[in-house]
Amino acid sequence: MDDSGEPRISQRHVAELSAFFAAHDRWLFGHACVRTRGDRELAADLVQDTFEAAARTWATLRGHAEGRQRAWLLGTLANKDISDFRRREAFRRRQADIQARYQPAAADTAAQALSAIALERAREIIEEMPPRQKEIALMRWQDRMKATEIAAALGVAEGTVHAHLHTARGKLVAGLERYYPFGRDDGKGAAS
């Protein structure tokens, strides 16, 4: 076995395979060109894949008569061509889905504009809050600090921080009600 786990070709078969390749290469390449409608690169790939398959099964293939070896080569070439065709067709069918999946979403300018207005309004609401409430709100939502961290930084009880955040959140919801996508917390829905 080699590094990739493939069985190695025995030294005594290398010369036989080399002669086998030399004897059938041009003939098989001609058939491959017909199958690929003149695509010489694809034909060369098919021939290579076919001879690789022959090398893997050489212990059995070497015992056959030349006519049977040629029939095996043609059959293997045809099967490899069909498999390659199926792979290409499957990719072609999925290509539109793949392309659609990775295309950027169309810009929703109305939603972006509404979000920008709501963010500006939220900034105004926070600016109008009493100084301590504003400070706690910014520490929580801008600096992403936990209530325990805010309480420790300001030297206040954690309950005080939660009370300020509850009041600030209520002011934001009330001030942003028409921009709030899920309606109000009390289940009455958004105002029109």
C-alpha atoms as a PDB file:
ATOM      1  CA  MET A   1       0.000   0.000   0.000  1.00  0.00           C
ATOM      2  CA  ASP A   2       1.129   3.554  -0.665  1.00  0.00           C
ATOM      3  CA  ASP A   3       0.587   6.646   1.528  1.00  0.00           C
ATOM      4  CA  SER A   4      -3.000   7.137   0.306  1.00  0.00           C
ATOM      5  CA  GLY A   5      -4.033   3.564   1.135  1.00  0.00           C
ATOM      6  CA  GLU A   6      -4.085   2.426  -2.501  1.00  0.00           C
ATOM      7  CA  PRO A   7      -2.489  -0.965  -3.217  1.00  0.00           C
ATOM      8  CA  ARG A   8       0.868  -0.724  -4.958  1.00  0.00           C
ATOM      9  CA  ILE A   9       1.366  -2.314  -8.351  1.00  0.00           C
ATOM     10  CA  SER A  10       3.866  -5.151  -8.109  1.00  0.00           C
ATOM     11  CA  GLN A  11       7.144  -4.605  -9.934  1.00  0.00           C
ATOM     12  CA  ARG A  12       6.571  -7.615 -12.186  1.00  0.00           C
ATOM     13  CA  HIS A  13       3.279  -6.062 -13.410  1.00  0.00           C
ATOM     14  CA  VAL A  14       4.720  -2.589 -14.079  1.00  0.00           C
ATOM     15  CA  ALA A  15       6.342  -3.641 -17.346  1.00  0.00           C
ATOM     16  CA  GLU A  16       3.179  -5.483 -18.419  1.00  0.00           C
ATOM     17  CA  LEU A  17       1.019  -2.441 -17.659  1.00  0.00           C
ATOM     18  CA  SER A  18       3.408  -0.194 -19.511  1.00  0.00           C
ATOM     19  CA  ALA A  19       3.184  -2.415 -22.605  1.00  0.00           C
ATOM     20  CA  PHE A  20      -0.602  -2.669 -22.200  1.00  0.00           C
ATOM     21  CA  PHE A  21      -0.857   1.132 -22.049  1.00  0.00           C
ATOM     22  CA  ALA A  22       1.388   1.601 -25.083  1.00  0.00           C
ATOM     23  CA  ALA A  23      -0.618  -0.966 -27.076  1.00  0.00           C
ATOM     24  CA  HIS A  24      -4.049   0.505 -26.346  1.00  0.00           C
ATOM     25  CA  ASP A  25      -3.543   4.185 -25.514  1.00  0.00           C
ATOM     26  CA  ARG A  26      -4.102   5.748 -28.973  1.00  0.00           C
ATOM     27  CA  TRP A  27      -6.967   3.388 -29.775  1.00  0.00           C
ATOM     28  CA  LEU A  28      -8.738   4.132 -26.463  1.00  0.00           C
ATOM     29  CA  PHE A  29      -8.068   7.878 -26.802  1.00  0.00           C
ATOM     30  CA  GLY A  30      -9.810   7.809 -30.221  1.00  0.00           C
ATOM     31  CA  HIS A  31     -12.897   6.217 -28.657  1.00  0.00           C
ATOM     32  CA  ALA A  32     -12.789   8.723 -25.807  1.00  0.00           C
ATOM     33  CA  CYS A  33     -12.667  11.626 -28.284  1.00  0.00           C
ATOM     34  CA  VAL A  34     -15.780  10.286 -30.010  1.00  0.00           C
ATOM     35  CA  ARG A  35     -17.594   9.917 -26.673  1.00  0.00           C
ATOM     36  CA  THR A  36     -16.644  13.460 -25.599  1.00  0.00           C
ATOM     37  CA  ARG A  37     -17.462  14.982 -28.998  1.00  0.00           C
ATOM     38  CA  GLY A  38     -13.878  16.059 -29.590  1.00  0.00           C
ATOM     39  CA  ASP A  39     -13.095  17.420 -26.114  1.00  0.00           C
ATOM     40  CA  ARG A  40      -9.482  16.226 -26.041  1.00  0.00           C
ATOM     41  CA  GLU A  41      -8.840  17.207 -22.425  1.00  0.00           C
ATOM     42  CA  LEU A  42     -11.910  15.373 -21.157  1.00  0.00           C
ATOM     43  CA  ALA A  43     -10.984  12.417 -23.385  1.00  0.00           C
ATOM     44  CA  ALA A  44      -7.469  12.335 -21.895  1.00  0.00           C
ATOM     45  CA  ASP A  45      -8.952  12.378 -18.382  1.00  0.00           C
ATOM     46  CA  LEU A  46     -11.267   9.487 -19.247  1.00  0.00           C
ATOM     47  CA  VAL A  47      -8.378   7.462 -20.679  1.00  0.00           C
ATOM     48  CA  GLN A  48      -6.288   8.106 -17.592  1.00  0.00           C
ATOM     49  CA  ASP A  49      -9.145   7.103 -15.266  1.00  0.00           C
ATOM     50  CA  THR A  50      -9.726   3.952 -17.341  1.00  0.00           C
ATOM     51  CA  PHE A  51      -6.067   2.918 -17.217  1.00  0.00           C
ATOM     52  CA  GLU A  52      -5.964   3.600 -13.465  1.00  0.00           C
ATOM     53  CA  ALA A  53      -8.921   1.242 -13.071  1.00  0.00           C
ATOM     54  CA  ALA A  54      -7.108  -1.307 -15.261  1.00  0.00           C
ATOM     55  CA  ALA A  55      -4.021  -1.064 -13.063  1.00  0.00           C
ATOM     56  CA  ARG A  56      -6.120  -1.713  -9.943  1.00  0.00           C
ATOM     57  CA  THR A  57      -7.625  -4.858 -11.450  1.00  0.00           C
ATOM     58  CA  TRP A  58      -4.571  -5.905 -13.466  1.00  0.00           C
ATOM     59  CA  ALA A  59      -4.128  -9.166 -11.569  1.00  0.00           C
ATOM     60  CA  THR A  60      -7.414 -10.348 -13.139  1.00  0.00           C
ATOM     61  CA  LEU A  61      -7.359  -8.361 -16.399  1.00  0.00           C
ATOM     62  CA  ARG A  62      -3.884  -9.568 -17.427  1.00  0.00           C
ATOM     63  CA  GLY A  63      -5.160 -13.126 -17.810  1.00  0.00           C
ATOM     64  CA  HIS A  64      -7.768 -12.213 -20.455  1.00  0.00           C
ATOM     65  CA  ALA A  65      -7.280 -12.347 -24.195  1.00  0.00           C
ATOM     66  CA  GLU A  66      -6.575  -9.061 -25.952  1.00  0.00           C
ATOM     67  CA  GLY A  67     -10.127  -8.815 -27.359  1.00  0.00           C
ATOM     68  CA  ARG A  68     -11.615  -9.205 -23.919  1.00  0.00           C
ATOM     69  CA  GLN A  69      -9.148  -6.659 -22.497  1.00  0.00           C
ATOM     70  CA  ARG A  70     -10.224  -4.153 -25.145  1.00  0.00           C
ATOM     71  CA  ALA A  71     -13.886  -4.834 -24.390  1.00  0.00           C
ATOM     72  CA  TRP A  72     -13.163  -4.235 -20.687  1.00  0.00           C
ATOM     73  CA  LEU A  73     -11.381  -0.951 -21.544  1.00  0.00           C
ATOM     74  CA  LEU A  74     -14.306   0.239 -23.697  1.00  0.00           C
ATOM     75  CA  GLY A  75     -16.870  -0.736 -21.074  1.00  0.00           C
ATOM     76  CA  THR A  76     -14.936   0.971 -18.296  1.00  0.00           C
ATOM     77  CA  LEU A  77     -14.411   4.084 -20.430  1.00  0.00           C
ATOM     78  CA  ALA A  78     -18.157   4.236 -21.166  1.00  0.00           C
ATOM     79  CA  ASN A  79     -19.064   3.790 -17.481  1.00  0.00           C
ATOM     80  CA  LYS A  80     -16.627   6.511 -16.408  1.00  0.00           C
ATOM     81  CA  ASP A  81     -17.992   8.844 -19.086  1.00  0.00           C
ATOM     82  CA  ILE A  82     -21.584   8.199 -17.969  1.00  0.00           C
ATOM     83  CA  SER A  83     -20.657   8.763 -14.304  1.00  0.00           C
ATOM     84  CA  ASP A  84     -18.899  12.008 -15.193  1.00  0.00           C
ATOM     85  CA  PHE A  85     -21.889  13.109 -17.290  1.00  0.00           C
ATOM     86  CA  ARG A  86     -24.256  12.403 -14.376  1.00  0.00           C
ATOM     87  CA  ARG A  87     -22.061  14.400 -11.986  1.00  0.00           C
ATOM     88  CA  ARG A  88     -21.967  17.350 -14.384  1.00  0.00           C
ATOM     89  CA  GLU A  89     -25.748  17.202 -14.941  1.00  0.00           C
ATOM     90  CA  ALA A  90     -26.448  17.016 -11.199  1.00  0.00           C
ATOM     91  CA  PHE A  91     -24.220  20.049 -10.670  1.00  0.00           C
ATOM     92  CA  ARG A  92     -25.897  21.904 -13.565  1.00  0.00           C
ATOM     93  CA  ARG A  93     -29.347  21.223 -12.063  1.00  0.00           C
ATOM     94  CA  ARG A  94     -28.231  22.442  -8.624  1.00  0.00           C
ATOM     95  CA  GLN A  95     -26.267  25.413  -9.930  1.00  0.00           C
ATOM     96  CA  ALA A  96     -29.265  27.782  -9.911  1.00  0.00           C
ATOM     97  CA  ASP A  97     -30.049  26.855  -6.283  1.00  0.00           C
ATOM     98  CA  ILE A  98     -26.412  27.251  -5.276  1.00  0.00           C
ATOM     99  CA  GLN A  99     -26.180  30.599  -7.025  1.00  0.00           C
ATOM    100  CA  ALA A 100     -29.423  31.818  -5.436  1.00  0.00           C
ATOM    101  CA  ARG A 101     -28.278  30.732  -1.974  1.00  0.00           C
ATOM    102  CA  TYR A 102     -25.094  32.802  -2.131  1.00  0.00           C
ATOM    103  CA  GLN A 103     -26.511  35.914  -3.775  1.00  0.00           C
ATOM    104  CA  PRO A 104     -26.839  38.861  -1.404  1.00  0.00           C
ATOM    105  CA  ALA A 105     -30.395  39.551  -0.313  1.00  0.00           C
ATOM    106  CA  ALA A 106     -32.087  42.480  -1.974  1.00  0.00           C
ATOM    107  CA  ALA A 107     -31.870  45.615   0.099  1.00  0.00           C
ATOM    108  CA  ASP A 108     -35.037  46.409   2.028  1.00  0.00           C
ATOM    109  CA  THR A 109     -34.722  50.185   1.970  1.00  0.00           C
ATOM    110  CA  ALA A 110     -38.043  50.729   3.742  1.00  0.00           C
ATOM    111  CA  ALA A 111     -36.986  48.512   6.645  1.00  0.00           C
ATOM    112  CA  GLN A 112     -33.542  50.101   6.732  1.00  0.00           C
ATOM    113  CA  ALA A 113     -35.058  53.583   6.813  1.00  0.00           C
ATOM    114  CA  LEU A 114     -37.497  52.590   9.565  1.00  0.00           C
ATOM    115  CA  SER A 115     -34.646  51.059  11.589  1.00  0.00           C
ATOM    116  CA  ALA A 116     -32.551  54.203  11.208  1.00  0.00           C
ATOM    117  CA  ILE A 117     -35.473  56.367  12.390  1.00  0.00           C
ATOM    118  CA  ALA A 118     -36.131  54.030  15.339  1.00  0.00           C
ATOM    119  CA  LEU A 119     -32.448  54.050  16.336  1.00  0.00           C
ATOM    120  CA  GLU A 120     -32.351  57.842  16.233  1.00  0.00           C
ATOM    121  CA  ARG A 121     -35.530  57.999  18.329  1.00  0.00           C
ATOM    122  CA  ALA A 122     -34.063  55.497  20.834  1.00  0.00           C
ATOM    123  CA  ARG A 123     -30.960  57.695  21.167  1.00  0.00           C
ATOM    124  CA  GLU A 124     -33.182  60.710  21.864  1.00  0.00           C
ATOM    125  CA  ILE A 125     -35.187  58.786  24.487  1.00  0.00           C
ATOM    126  CA  ILE A 126     -32.020  57.676  26.271  1.00  0.00           C
ATOM    127  CA  GLU A 127     -30.639  61.232  26.176  1.00  0.00           C
ATOM    128  CA  GLU A 128     -33.835  62.499  27.885  1.00  0.00           C
ATOM    129  CA  MET A 129     -33.527  60.001  30.784  1.00  0.00           C
ATOM    130  CA  PRO A 130     -32.348  61.136  34.223  1.00  0.00           C
ATOM    131  CA  PRO A 131     -28.517  61.001  34.481  1.00  0.00           C
ATOM    132  CA  ARG A 132     -28.252  57.808  36.608  1.00  0.00           C
ATOM    133  CA  GLN A 133     -30.835  55.940  34.512  1.00  0.00           C
ATOM    134  CA  LYS A 134     -29.101  57.032  31.295  1.00  0.00           C
ATOM    135  CA  GLU A 135     -25.719  55.933  32.646  1.00  0.00           C
ATOM    136  CA  ILE A 136     -27.030  52.492  33.638  1.00  0.00           C
ATOM    137  CA  ALA A 137     -28.861  52.064  30.297  1.00  0.00           C
ATOM    138  CA  LEU A 138     -25.721  52.890  28.309  1.00  0.00           C
ATOM    139  CA  MET A 139     -23.556  50.605  30.452  1.00  0.00           C
ATOM    140  CA  ARG A 140     -25.977  47.743  29.845  1.00  0.00           C
ATOM    141  CA  TRP A 141     -26.936  48.189  26.190  1.00  0.00           C
ATOM    142  CA  GLN A 142     -23.950  50.000  24.729  1.00  0.00           C
ATOM    143  CA  ASP A 143     -21.125  48.535  26.817  1.00  0.00           C
ATOM    144  CA  ARG A 144     -22.878  45.158  27.241  1.00  0.00           C
ATOM    145  CA  MET A 145     -22.119  44.996  30.951  1.00  0.00           C
ATOM    146  CA  LYS A 146     -24.009  42.622  33.252  1.00  0.00           C
ATOM    147  CA  ALA A 147     -26.159  44.001  36.057  1.00  0.00           C
ATOM    148  CA  THR A 148     -23.657  42.744  38.652  1.00  0.00           C
ATOM    149  CA  GLU A 149     -20.816  44.544  36.870  1.00  0.00           C
ATOM    150  CA  ILE A 150     -22.815  47.779  36.657  1.00  0.00           C
ATOM    151  CA  ALA A 151     -23.726  47.578  40.352  1.00  0.00           C
ATOM    152  CA  ALA A 152     -20.084  47.042  41.299  1.00  0.00           C
ATOM    153  CA  ALA A 153     -18.857  49.867  39.041  1.00  0.00           C
ATOM    154  CA  LEU A 154     -21.401  52.373  40.387  1.00  0.00           C
ATOM    155  CA  GLY A 155     -21.420  51.154  43.995  1.00  0.00           C
ATOM    156  CA  VAL A 156     -25.192  50.529  44.040  1.00  0.00           C
ATOM    157  CA  ALA A 157     -27.308  47.476  44.776  1.00  0.00           C
ATOM    158  CA  GLU A 158     -28.005  45.085  41.911  1.00  0.00           C
ATOM    159  CA  GLY A 159     -31.743  45.565  42.521  1.00  0.00           C
ATOM    160  CA  THR A 160     -31.293  49.292  41.875  1.00  0.00           C
ATOM    161  CA  VAL A 161     -29.671  48.515  38.526  1.00  0.00           C
ATOM    162  CA  HIS A 162     -32.559  46.197  37.591  1.00  0.00           C
ATOM    163  CA  ALA A 163     -35.116  48.856  38.608  1.00  0.00           C
ATOM    164  CA  HIS A 164     -33.423  51.507  36.458  1.00  0.00           C
ATOM    165  CA  LEU A 165     -33.193  49.103  33.510  1.00  0.00           C
ATOM    166  CA  HIS A 166     -36.871  48.162  33.860  1.00  0.00           C
ATOM    167  CA  THR A 167     -37.897  51.827  33.849  1.00  0.00           C
ATOM    168  CA  ALA A 168     -35.570  52.644  30.939  1.00  0.00           C
ATOM    169  CA  ARG A 169     -36.883  49.691  28.934  1.00  0.00           C
ATOM    170  CA  GLY A 170     -40.459  50.863  29.575  1.00  0.00           C
ATOM    171  CA  LYS A 171     -39.600  54.355  28.303  1.00  0.00           C
ATOM    172  CA  LEU A 172     -38.006  52.900  25.182  1.00  0.00           C
ATOM    173  CA  VAL A 173     -40.977  50.646  24.434  1.00  0.00           C
ATOM    174  CA  ALA A 174     -43.425  53.521  24.959  1.00  0.00           C
ATOM    175  CA  GLY A 175     -41.361  55.921  22.841  1.00  0.00           C
ATOM    176  CA  LEU A 176     -40.745  53.405  20.068  1.00  0.00           C
ATOM    177  CA  GLU A 177     -44.178  51.776  20.050  1.00  0.00           C
ATOM    178  CA  ARG A 178     -44.919  52.501  16.419  1.00  0.00           C
ATOM    179  CA  TYR A 179     -41.512  51.104  15.377  1.00  0.00           C
ATOM    180  CA  TYR A 180     -41.734  48.110  17.734  1.00  0.00           C
ATOM    181  CA  PRO A 181     -42.315  45.088  15.469  1.00  0.00           C
ATOM    182  CA  PHE A 182     -43.937  42.793  18.061  1.00  0.00           C
ATOM    183  CA  GLY A 183     -46.349  45.207  19.679  1.00  0.00           C
ATOM    184  CA  ARG A 184     -46.449  46.106  23.301  1.00  0.00           C
ATOM    185  CA  ASP A 185     -45.469  43.872  26.218  1.00  0.00           C
ATOM    186  CA  ASP A 186     -49.005  43.997  27.641  1.00  0.00           C
ATOM    187  CA  GLY A 187     -50.415  42.129  24.600  1.00  0.00           C
ATOM    188  CA  LYS A 188     -52.460  45.070  23.262  1.00  0.00           C
ATOM    189  CA  GLY A 189     -50.398  45.303  20.069  1.00  0.00           C
ATOM    190  CA  ALA A 190     -48.739  48.280  18.460  1.00  0.00           C
ATOM    191  CA  ALA A 191     -50.525  51.575  18.049  1.00  0.00           C
ATOM    192  CA  SER A 192     -51.263  52.618  14.501  1.00  0.00           C
END
